[in-house]
Amino acid sequence: MAVEAAGFIDPDALASRGRRASYWADLGRAYAQIGDQRAAVEAIAKGERLAPQQVRSNPLVRDAVQLMLAPAVSTARGRSLRALASRMGIPA
């Protein structure tokens, strides 16, 4: 599982900001897939702080955020999730 494998990687050791941003964005997507919305939003936001345009324009990340916003999936459409969606241009 991706979330477990992430524990063996030190993102700070990755050479570039873009790679670190990808790590966090991918980890956020993995959390979203297992239903941990809070961890997903936190991880995606970390990636976004490193490389905003890269993360915001990533179609896989955008899909994950849209799915988390779906009323049938969302357990808590919290402020952080809505803010992230807004920065991506996704209506919340």
Protein backbone atom coordinates (compact mmCIF):
# COMPACT_ATOMS: atom_id res chain seq x y z
CA MET A 1 0.00 0.00 0.00
CA ALA A 2 1.28 3.47 -0.92
CA VAL A 3 0.67 4.99 2.51
CA GLU A 4 2.76 2.28 4.20
CA ALA A 5 5.53 2.55 1.58
CA ALA A 6 5.70 6.32 2.08
CA GLY A 7 6.99 5.70 5.58
CA PHE A 8 10.25 4.41 4.11
CA ILE A 9 10.92 7.60 2.14
CA ASP A 10 12.36 10.82 3.48
CA PRO A 11 10.80 13.50 1.26
CA ASP A 12 13.36 16.06 2.48
CA ALA A 13 16.08 13.92 0.90
CA LEU A 14 14.52 14.27 -2.57
CA ALA A 15 16.64 16.48 -4.80
CA SER A 16 14.10 18.99 -6.06
CA ARG A 17 11.06 20.86 -4.83
CA GLY A 18 9.07 19.41 -7.71
CA ARG A 19 9.85 15.85 -6.66
CA ARG A 20 8.98 16.61 -3.04
CA ALA A 21 5.73 18.20 -4.21
CA SER A 22 4.95 15.08 -6.27
CA TYR A 23 5.64 12.89 -3.24
CA TRP A 24 3.17 14.83 -1.09
CA ALA A 25 0.55 15.05 -3.85
CA ASP A 26 0.75 11.31 -4.50
CA LEU A 27 0.61 10.55 -0.80
CA GLY A 28 -2.45 12.78 -0.53
CA ARG A 29 -4.11 10.87 -3.35
CA ALA A 30 -3.34 7.60 -1.56
CA TYR A 31 -4.92 8.90 1.65
CA ALA A 32 -7.96 10.03 -0.31
CA GLN A 33 -8.33 6.55 -1.79
CA ILE A 34 -8.45 4.95 1.66
CA GLY A 35 -10.90 7.58 2.94
CA ASP A 36 -8.61 9.59 5.22
CA GLN A 37 -9.68 13.03 4.01
CA ARG A 38 -7.88 15.04 6.65
CA ALA A 39 -4.52 13.38 5.93
CA ALA A 40 -5.19 13.70 2.19
CA VAL A 41 -5.81 17.44 2.37
CA GLU A 42 -2.78 17.97 4.62
CA ALA A 43 -0.47 16.05 2.29
CA ILE A 44 -1.77 17.73 -0.87
CA ALA A 45 -1.45 21.15 0.80
CA LYS A 46 2.20 20.37 1.68
CA GLY A 47 2.88 19.58 -1.95
CA GLU A 48 1.03 22.69 -3.03
CA ARG A 49 3.22 24.88 -0.80
CA LEU A 50 6.31 23.46 -2.52
CA ALA A 51 5.10 23.71 -6.12
CA PRO A 52 1.65 25.33 -6.30
CA GLN A 53 1.08 25.24 -10.05
CA GLN A 54 2.38 21.70 -10.42
CA VAL A 55 0.03 20.34 -7.76
CA ARG A 56 -3.01 22.47 -8.65
CA SER A 57 -2.84 21.52 -12.32
CA ASN A 58 -2.24 17.79 -11.75
CA PRO A 59 -5.34 16.05 -13.15
CA LEU A 60 -5.05 13.11 -10.75
CA VAL A 61 -4.87 15.42 -7.73
CA ARG A 62 -7.78 17.46 -9.06
CA ASP A 63 -9.84 14.26 -9.45
CA ALA A 64 -9.03 13.23 -5.88
CA VAL A 65 -10.12 16.64 -4.56
CA GLN A 66 -13.33 16.53 -6.58
CA LEU A 67 -14.14 13.06 -5.24
CA MET A 68 -13.54 14.19 -1.67
CA LEU A 69 -16.00 17.04 -2.26
CA ALA A 70 -18.73 14.69 -3.49
CA PRO A 71 -21.54 14.58 -0.91
CA ALA A 72 -21.75 10.79 -1.11
CA VAL A 73 -18.03 10.46 -0.26
CA SER A 74 -17.35 13.47 1.90
CA THR A 75 -17.49 12.88 5.63
CA ALA A 76 -16.59 16.46 6.43
CA ARG A 77 -16.42 19.11 3.77
CA GLY A 78 -14.11 21.11 5.98
CA ARG A 79 -12.70 24.52 5.41
CA SER A 80 -9.28 23.17 4.39
CA LEU A 81 -10.77 20.96 1.69
CA ARG A 82 -12.97 23.77 0.36
CA ALA A 83 -9.99 26.17 0.35
CA LEU A 84 -7.84 23.65 -1.52
CA ALA A 85 -10.59 23.10 -4.07
CA SER A 86 -11.01 26.86 -4.48
CA ARG A 87 -7.31 27.34 -5.19
CA MET A 88 -7.61 24.64 -7.87
CA GLY A 89 -10.63 26.31 -9.41
CA ILE A 90 -12.93 23.45 -8.40
CA PRO A 91 -16.36 24.58 -7.20
CA ALA A 92 -17.00 23.43 -3.63
